[in-house]
Full PDB file with SEQRES, HELIX, SHEET, SSBOND, CRYST1, ORIGX, SCALE, CONECT and MASTER records, all heavy atoms in Angstrom:
SEQRES   1 A   32  ILE SER GLY SER GLY PRO ALA THR VAL ALA ALA LEU GLY          
SEQRES   2 A   32  MET ILE LEU ILE PRO ALA MET VAL ASN ALA GLY TYR PRO          
SEQRES   3 A   32  ALA ALA PHE SER ALA ALA                                      
HELIX    1 AA1 GLY A    5  ASN A   22  1                                  18    
HELIX    2 AA2 ALA A   27  ALA A   31  1                                   5    
CRYST1    1.000    1.000    1.000  90.00  90.00  90.00 P 1           1          
ORIGX1      1.000000  0.000000  0.000000        0.00000                         
ORIGX2      0.000000  1.000000  0.000000        0.00000                         
ORIGX3      0.000000  0.000000  1.000000        0.00000                         
SCALE1      1.000000  0.000000  0.000000        0.00000                         
SCALE2      0.000000  1.000000  0.000000        0.00000                         
SCALE3      0.000000  0.000000  1.000000        0.00000                         
ATOM      1  N   ILE A   1      -7.017 -24.797   7.971  1.00  0.00           N  
ATOM      2  CA  ILE A   1      -8.053 -24.838   8.933  1.00  0.00           C  
ATOM      3  C   ILE A   1      -8.873 -23.612   9.073  1.00  0.00           C  
ATOM      4  O   ILE A   1     -10.029 -23.597   9.062  1.00  0.00           O  
ATOM      5  CB  ILE A   1      -7.379 -25.258  10.296  1.00  0.00           C  
ATOM      6  CG1 ILE A   1      -6.815 -26.649  10.324  1.00  0.00           C  
ATOM      7  CG2 ILE A   1      -8.513 -25.100  11.482  1.00  0.00           C  
ATOM      8  CD1 ILE A   1      -6.007 -26.938  11.513  1.00  0.00           C  
ATOM      9  N   SER A   2      -8.135 -22.399   9.051  1.00  0.00           N  
ATOM     10  CA  SER A   2      -8.756 -21.119   9.321  1.00  0.00           C  
ATOM     11  C   SER A   2      -9.265 -20.512   8.001  1.00  0.00           C  
ATOM     12  O   SER A   2     -10.319 -19.835   7.987  1.00  0.00           O  
ATOM     13  CB  SER A   2      -7.784 -20.170   9.970  1.00  0.00           C  
ATOM     14  OG  SER A   2      -6.816 -19.747   9.215  1.00  0.00           O  
ATOM     15  N   GLY A   3      -8.540 -20.741   6.917  1.00  0.00           N  
ATOM     16  CA  GLY A   3      -8.894 -20.029   5.698  1.00  0.00           C  
ATOM     17  C   GLY A   3      -8.659 -18.554   5.667  1.00  0.00           C  
ATOM     18  O   GLY A   3      -9.138 -17.843   4.772  1.00  0.00           O  
ATOM     19  N   SER A   4      -8.017 -18.051   6.546  1.00  0.00           N  
ATOM     20  CA  SER A   4      -7.753 -16.575   6.747  1.00  0.00           C  
ATOM     21  C   SER A   4      -6.298 -16.264   7.115  1.00  0.00           C  
ATOM     22  O   SER A   4      -5.695 -16.890   7.903  1.00  0.00           O  
ATOM     23  CB  SER A   4      -8.692 -16.030   7.772  1.00  0.00           C  
ATOM     24  OG  SER A   4      -8.448 -14.710   8.146  1.00  0.00           O  
ATOM     25  N   GLY A   5      -5.816 -15.254   6.344  1.00  0.00           N  
ATOM     26  CA  GLY A   5      -4.434 -14.825   6.612  1.00  0.00           C  
ATOM     27  C   GLY A   5      -4.230 -14.196   8.016  1.00  0.00           C  
ATOM     28  O   GLY A   5      -3.391 -14.587   8.852  1.00  0.00           O  
ATOM     29  N   PRO A   6      -5.001 -13.091   8.470  1.00  0.00           N  
ATOM     30  CA  PRO A   6      -4.860 -12.516   9.645  1.00  0.00           C  
ATOM     31  C   PRO A   6      -5.006 -13.518  10.774  1.00  0.00           C  
ATOM     32  O   PRO A   6      -4.382 -13.239  11.895  1.00  0.00           O  
ATOM     33  CB  PRO A   6      -5.909 -11.376   9.690  1.00  0.00           C  
ATOM     34  CG  PRO A   6      -6.063 -11.105   8.204  1.00  0.00           C  
ATOM     35  CD  PRO A   6      -5.937 -12.412   7.516  1.00  0.00           C  
ATOM     36  N   ALA A   7      -5.911 -14.363  10.666  1.00  0.00           N  
ATOM     37  CA  ALA A   7      -6.367 -15.369  11.662  1.00  0.00           C  
ATOM     38  C   ALA A   7      -5.020 -16.297  11.944  1.00  0.00           C  
ATOM     39  O   ALA A   7      -4.697 -16.585  12.975  1.00  0.00           O  
ATOM     40  CB  ALA A   7      -7.522 -16.165  11.438  1.00  0.00           C  
ATOM     41  N   THR A   8      -4.409 -16.687  10.765  1.00  0.00           N  
ATOM     42  CA  THR A   8      -3.240 -17.453  10.924  1.00  0.00           C  
ATOM     43  C   THR A   8      -2.151 -16.779  11.603  1.00  0.00           C  
ATOM     44  O   THR A   8      -1.417 -17.338  12.553  1.00  0.00           O  
ATOM     45  CB  THR A   8      -2.789 -17.943   9.497  1.00  0.00           C  
ATOM     46  OG1 THR A   8      -3.731 -18.635   8.788  1.00  0.00           O  
ATOM     47  CG2 THR A   8      -1.621 -18.779   9.653  1.00  0.00           C  
ATOM     48  N   VAL A   9      -1.936 -15.556  11.320  1.00  0.00           N  
ATOM     49  CA  VAL A   9      -0.879 -14.794  11.952  1.00  0.00           C  
ATOM     50  C   VAL A   9      -1.146 -14.603  13.452  1.00  0.00           C  
ATOM     51  O   VAL A   9      -0.332 -14.766  14.371  1.00  0.00           O  
ATOM     52  CB  VAL A   9      -0.645 -13.307  11.370  1.00  0.00           C  
ATOM     53  CG1 VAL A   9       0.305 -12.482  12.122  1.00  0.00           C  
ATOM     54  CG2 VAL A   9      -0.222 -13.504   9.863  1.00  0.00           C  
ATOM     55  N   ALA A  10      -2.349 -14.261  13.795  1.00  0.00           N  
ATOM     56  CA  ALA A  10      -2.813 -14.101  15.239  1.00  0.00           C  
ATOM     57  C   ALA A  10      -2.662 -15.346  16.053  1.00  0.00           C  
ATOM     58  O   ALA A  10      -2.043 -15.377  17.108  1.00  0.00           O  
ATOM     59  CB  ALA A  10      -4.254 -13.539  15.350  1.00  0.00           C  
ATOM     60  N   ALA A  11      -3.108 -16.431  15.500  1.00  0.00           N  
ATOM     61  CA  ALA A  11      -3.163 -17.685  16.158  1.00  0.00           C  
ATOM     62  C   ALA A  11      -1.701 -18.185  16.463  1.00  0.00           C  
ATOM     63  O   ALA A  11      -1.332 -18.738  17.460  1.00  0.00           O  
ATOM     64  CB  ALA A  11      -4.016 -18.749  15.408  1.00  0.00           C  
ATOM     65  N   LEU A  12      -0.865 -18.176  15.366  1.00  0.00           N  
ATOM     66  CA  LEU A  12       0.574 -18.680  15.442  1.00  0.00           C  
ATOM     67  C   LEU A  12       1.565 -17.771  16.024  1.00  0.00           C  
ATOM     68  O   LEU A  12       2.564 -18.212  16.650  1.00  0.00           O  
ATOM     69  CB  LEU A  12       0.880 -19.307  14.146  1.00  0.00           C  
ATOM     70  CG  LEU A  12      -0.010 -20.384  13.487  1.00  0.00           C  
ATOM     71  CD1 LEU A  12       0.444 -20.725  12.060  1.00  0.00           C  
ATOM     72  CD2 LEU A  12      -0.214 -21.485  14.316  1.00  0.00           C  
ATOM     73  N   GLY A  13       1.363 -16.574  15.680  1.00  0.00           N  
ATOM     74  CA  GLY A  13       2.392 -15.514  16.081  1.00  0.00           C  
ATOM     75  C   GLY A  13       2.587 -15.347  17.557  1.00  0.00           C  
ATOM     76  O   GLY A  13       3.617 -15.164  17.915  1.00  0.00           O  
ATOM     77  N   MET A  14       1.506 -15.513  18.226  1.00  0.00           N  
ATOM     78  CA  MET A  14       1.621 -15.449  19.827  1.00  0.00           C  
ATOM     79  C   MET A  14       2.663 -16.418  20.298  1.00  0.00           C  
ATOM     80  O   MET A  14       3.219 -16.219  21.373  1.00  0.00           O  
ATOM     81  CB  MET A  14       0.224 -15.629  20.381  1.00  0.00           C  
ATOM     82  CG  MET A  14      -0.779 -14.547  20.062  1.00  0.00           C  
ATOM     83  SD  MET A  14      -0.372 -12.989  20.700  1.00  0.00           S  
ATOM     84  CE  MET A  14      -0.592 -13.173  22.502  1.00  0.00           C  
ATOM     85  N   ILE A  15       2.723 -17.546  19.701  1.00  0.00           N  
ATOM     86  CA  ILE A  15       3.700 -18.563  20.116  1.00  0.00           C  
ATOM     87  C   ILE A  15       4.985 -18.577  19.346  1.00  0.00           C  
ATOM     88  O   ILE A  15       6.033 -18.514  20.066  1.00  0.00           O  
ATOM     89  CB  ILE A  15       3.027 -19.944  19.942  1.00  0.00           C  
ATOM     90  CG1 ILE A  15       1.703 -20.052  20.611  1.00  0.00           C  
ATOM     91  CG2 ILE A  15       4.008 -21.050  20.485  1.00  0.00           C  
ATOM     92  CD1 ILE A  15       0.924 -21.231  20.269  1.00  0.00           C  
ATOM     93  N   LEU A  16       4.954 -18.346  18.082  1.00  0.00           N  
ATOM     94  CA  LEU A  16       6.214 -18.532  17.250  1.00  0.00           C  
ATOM     95  C   LEU A  16       7.123 -17.411  17.215  1.00  0.00           C  
ATOM     96  O   LEU A  16       8.260 -17.454  17.267  1.00  0.00           O  
ATOM     97  CB  LEU A  16       5.754 -18.972  15.816  1.00  0.00           C  
ATOM     98  CG  LEU A  16       5.312 -20.486  15.743  1.00  0.00           C  
ATOM     99  CD1 LEU A  16       4.906 -20.621  14.328  1.00  0.00           C  
ATOM    100  CD2 LEU A  16       6.624 -21.408  15.914  1.00  0.00           C  
ATOM    101  N   ILE A  17       6.486 -16.126  17.279  1.00  0.00           N  
ATOM    102  CA  ILE A  17       7.288 -14.886  17.244  1.00  0.00           C  
ATOM    103  C   ILE A  17       8.140 -14.789  18.514  1.00  0.00           C  
ATOM    104  O   ILE A  17       9.447 -14.672  18.356  1.00  0.00           O  
ATOM    105  CB  ILE A  17       6.460 -13.703  17.038  1.00  0.00           C  
ATOM    106  CG1 ILE A  17       5.872 -13.553  15.519  1.00  0.00           C  
ATOM    107  CG2 ILE A  17       7.346 -12.396  17.096  1.00  0.00           C  
ATOM    108  CD1 ILE A  17       4.994 -12.538  15.358  1.00  0.00           C  
ATOM    109  N   PRO A  18       7.598 -14.939  19.669  1.00  0.00           N  
ATOM    110  CA  PRO A  18       8.419 -14.907  20.901  1.00  0.00           C  
ATOM    111  C   PRO A  18       9.601 -16.071  20.944  1.00  0.00           C  
ATOM    112  O   PRO A  18      10.622 -15.982  21.346  1.00  0.00           O  
ATOM    113  CB  PRO A  18       7.492 -15.123  22.070  1.00  0.00           C  
ATOM    114  CG  PRO A  18       6.185 -14.639  21.548  1.00  0.00           C  
ATOM    115  CD  PRO A  18       6.203 -14.949  20.078  1.00  0.00           C  
ATOM    116  N   ALA A  19       9.079 -17.331  20.359  1.00  0.00           N  
ATOM    117  CA  ALA A  19      10.010 -18.456  20.244  1.00  0.00           C  
ATOM    118  C   ALA A  19      11.307 -18.214  19.472  1.00  0.00           C  
ATOM    119  O   ALA A  19      12.423 -18.476  19.797  1.00  0.00           O  
ATOM    120  CB  ALA A  19       9.338 -19.667  19.860  1.00  0.00           C  
ATOM    121  N   MET A  20      10.997 -17.418  18.258  1.00  0.00           N  
ATOM    122  CA  MET A  20      12.074 -17.150  17.380  1.00  0.00           C  
ATOM    123  C   MET A  20      12.923 -15.963  17.973  1.00  0.00           C  
ATOM    124  O   MET A  20      14.169 -16.097  17.897  1.00  0.00           O  
ATOM    125  CB  MET A  20      11.473 -16.574  15.967  1.00  0.00           C  
ATOM    126  CG  MET A  20      10.884 -17.851  15.273  1.00  0.00           C  
ATOM    127  SD  MET A  20      10.601 -17.385  13.430  1.00  0.00           S  
ATOM    128  CE  MET A  20      12.231 -17.304  12.780  1.00  0.00           C  
ATOM    129  N   VAL A  21      12.344 -15.016  18.700  1.00  0.00           N  
ATOM    130  CA  VAL A  21      13.161 -14.100  19.306  1.00  0.00           C  
ATOM    131  C   VAL A  21      14.063 -14.629  20.416  1.00  0.00           C  
ATOM    132  O   VAL A  21      15.226 -14.311  20.504  1.00  0.00           O  
ATOM    133  CB  VAL A  21      12.279 -12.994  19.877  1.00  0.00           C  
ATOM    134  CG1 VAL A  21      13.002 -11.859  20.663  1.00  0.00           C  
ATOM    135  CG2 VAL A  21      11.505 -12.138  18.707  1.00  0.00           C  
ATOM    136  N   ASN A  22      13.597 -15.529  21.184  1.00  0.00           N  
ATOM    137  CA  ASN A  22      14.306 -16.131  22.257  1.00  0.00           C  
ATOM    138  C   ASN A  22      15.458 -17.032  21.720  1.00  0.00           C  
ATOM    139  O   ASN A  22      16.486 -17.136  22.346  1.00  0.00           O  
ATOM    140  CB  ASN A  22      13.385 -17.079  23.060  1.00  0.00           C  
ATOM    141  CG  ASN A  22      12.419 -16.285  23.876  1.00  0.00           C  
ATOM    142  OD1 ASN A  22      12.547 -15.110  24.222  1.00  0.00           O  
ATOM    143  ND2 ASN A  22      11.230 -16.870  24.302  1.00  0.00           N  
ATOM    144  N   ALA A  23      15.206 -17.505  20.470  1.00  0.00           N  
ATOM    145  CA  ALA A  23      16.349 -18.359  19.823  1.00  0.00           C  
ATOM    146  C   ALA A  23      17.346 -17.510  19.144  1.00  0.00           C  
ATOM    147  O   ALA A  23      18.341 -17.995  18.774  1.00  0.00           O  
ATOM    148  CB  ALA A  23      15.755 -19.251  18.743  1.00  0.00           C  
ATOM    149  N   GLY A  24      17.152 -16.142  19.147  1.00  0.00           N  
ATOM    150  CA  GLY A  24      18.117 -15.258  18.582  1.00  0.00           C  
ATOM    151  C   GLY A  24      17.888 -14.547  17.342  1.00  0.00           C  
ATOM    152  O   GLY A  24      18.682 -13.690  16.800  1.00  0.00           O  
ATOM    153  N   TYR A  25      16.525 -14.774  16.756  1.00  0.00           N  
ATOM    154  CA  TYR A  25      16.214 -14.034  15.510  1.00  0.00           C  
ATOM    155  C   TYR A  25      15.800 -12.692  15.863  1.00  0.00           C  
ATOM    156  O   TYR A  25      15.144 -12.505  16.905  1.00  0.00           O  
ATOM    157  CB  TYR A  25      15.003 -14.834  14.759  1.00  0.00           C  
ATOM    158  CG  TYR A  25      15.531 -16.147  14.102  1.00  0.00           C  
ATOM    159  CD1 TYR A  25      15.271 -17.406  14.765  1.00  0.00           C  
ATOM    160  CD2 TYR A  25      16.092 -16.207  12.906  1.00  0.00           C  
ATOM    161  CE1 TYR A  25      15.510 -18.579  14.268  1.00  0.00           C  
ATOM    162  CE2 TYR A  25      16.329 -17.485  12.446  1.00  0.00           C  
ATOM    163  CZ  TYR A  25      16.211 -18.648  13.019  1.00  0.00           C  
ATOM    164  OH  TYR A  25      16.564 -19.800  12.538  1.00  0.00           O  
ATOM    165  N   PRO A  26      16.064 -11.695  15.035  1.00  0.00           N  
ATOM    166  CA  PRO A  26      15.574 -10.299  15.322  1.00  0.00           C  
ATOM    167  C   PRO A  26      14.048 -10.271  15.327  1.00  0.00           C  
ATOM    168  O   PRO A  26      13.318 -11.009  14.612  1.00  0.00           O  
ATOM    169  CB  PRO A  26      16.032  -9.494  14.094  1.00  0.00           C  
ATOM    170  CG  PRO A  26      17.324 -10.271  13.683  1.00  0.00           C  
ATOM    171  CD  PRO A  26      16.929 -11.668  13.954  1.00  0.00           C  
ATOM    172  N   ALA A  27      13.466  -9.406  16.133  1.00  0.00           N  
ATOM    173  CA  ALA A  27      12.052  -9.354  16.306  1.00  0.00           C  
ATOM    174  C   ALA A  27      11.367  -8.862  15.011  1.00  0.00           C  
ATOM    175  O   ALA A  27      10.334  -9.503  14.543  1.00  0.00           O  
ATOM    176  CB  ALA A  27      11.612  -8.323  17.324  1.00  0.00           C  
ATOM    177  N   ALA A  28      11.903  -7.979  14.270  1.00  0.00           N  
ATOM    178  CA  ALA A  28      11.306  -7.607  12.965  1.00  0.00           C  
ATOM    179  C   ALA A  28      11.346  -8.641  11.909  1.00  0.00           C  
ATOM    180  O   ALA A  28      10.346  -8.850  11.141  1.00  0.00           O  
ATOM    181  CB  ALA A  28      12.132  -6.369  12.425  1.00  0.00           C  
ATOM    182  N   PHE A  29      12.393  -9.391  11.905  1.00  0.00           N  
ATOM    183  CA  PHE A  29      12.577 -10.541  10.971  1.00  0.00           C  
ATOM    184  C   PHE A  29      11.412 -11.665  11.241  1.00  0.00           C  
ATOM    185  O   PHE A  29      10.795 -12.119  10.433  1.00  0.00           O  
ATOM    186  CB  PHE A  29      14.014 -11.164  11.049  1.00  0.00           C  
ATOM    187  CG  PHE A  29      14.065 -12.474  10.243  1.00  0.00           C  
ATOM    188  CD1 PHE A  29      14.379 -12.438   9.048  1.00  0.00           C  
ATOM    189  CD2 PHE A  29      13.940 -13.650  10.835  1.00  0.00           C  
ATOM    190  CE1 PHE A  29      14.567 -13.643   8.187  1.00  0.00           C  
ATOM    191  CE2 PHE A  29      14.058 -14.837  10.186  1.00  0.00           C  
ATOM    192  CZ  PHE A  29      14.388 -14.955   8.903  1.00  0.00           C  
ATOM    193  N   SER A  30      11.372 -11.892  12.568  1.00  0.00           N  
ATOM    194  CA  SER A  30      10.449 -12.952  13.025  1.00  0.00           C  
ATOM    195  C   SER A  30       9.001 -12.525  12.704  1.00  0.00           C  
ATOM    196  O   SER A  30       8.191 -13.389  12.145  1.00  0.00           O  
ATOM    197  CB  SER A  30      10.573 -13.177  14.645  1.00  0.00           C  
ATOM    198  OG  SER A  30      11.839 -13.555  14.840  1.00  0.00           O  
ATOM    199  N   ALA A  31       8.621 -11.433  13.030  1.00  0.00           N  
ATOM    200  CA  ALA A  31       7.309 -10.808  12.835  1.00  0.00           C  
ATOM    201  C   ALA A  31       6.991 -10.672  11.206  1.00  0.00           C  
ATOM    202  O   ALA A  31       5.897 -11.047  10.889  1.00  0.00           O  
ATOM    203  CB  ALA A  31       7.092  -9.451  13.500  1.00  0.00           C  
ATOM    204  N   ALA A  32       8.014 -10.329  10.482  1.00  0.00           N  
ATOM    205  CA  ALA A  32       7.866 -10.223   9.027  1.00  0.00           C  
ATOM    206  C   ALA A  32       7.540 -11.562   8.380  1.00  0.00           C  
ATOM    207  O   ALA A  32       6.707 -11.753   7.544  1.00  0.00           O  
ATOM    208  CB  ALA A  32       8.946  -9.458   8.405  1.00  0.00           C  
TER     209      ALA A  32                                                      
MASTER        0    0    0    2    0    0    0    6  208    1    0    3          
END                                                                             
């Protein structure tokens, strides 16, 4: 949809990175 790497990280990361951290994944692993 976006055709851009940074846009994909910004749009999805705001939701998925905190969700993964809350589930028990390390923050560095989730962000990487």
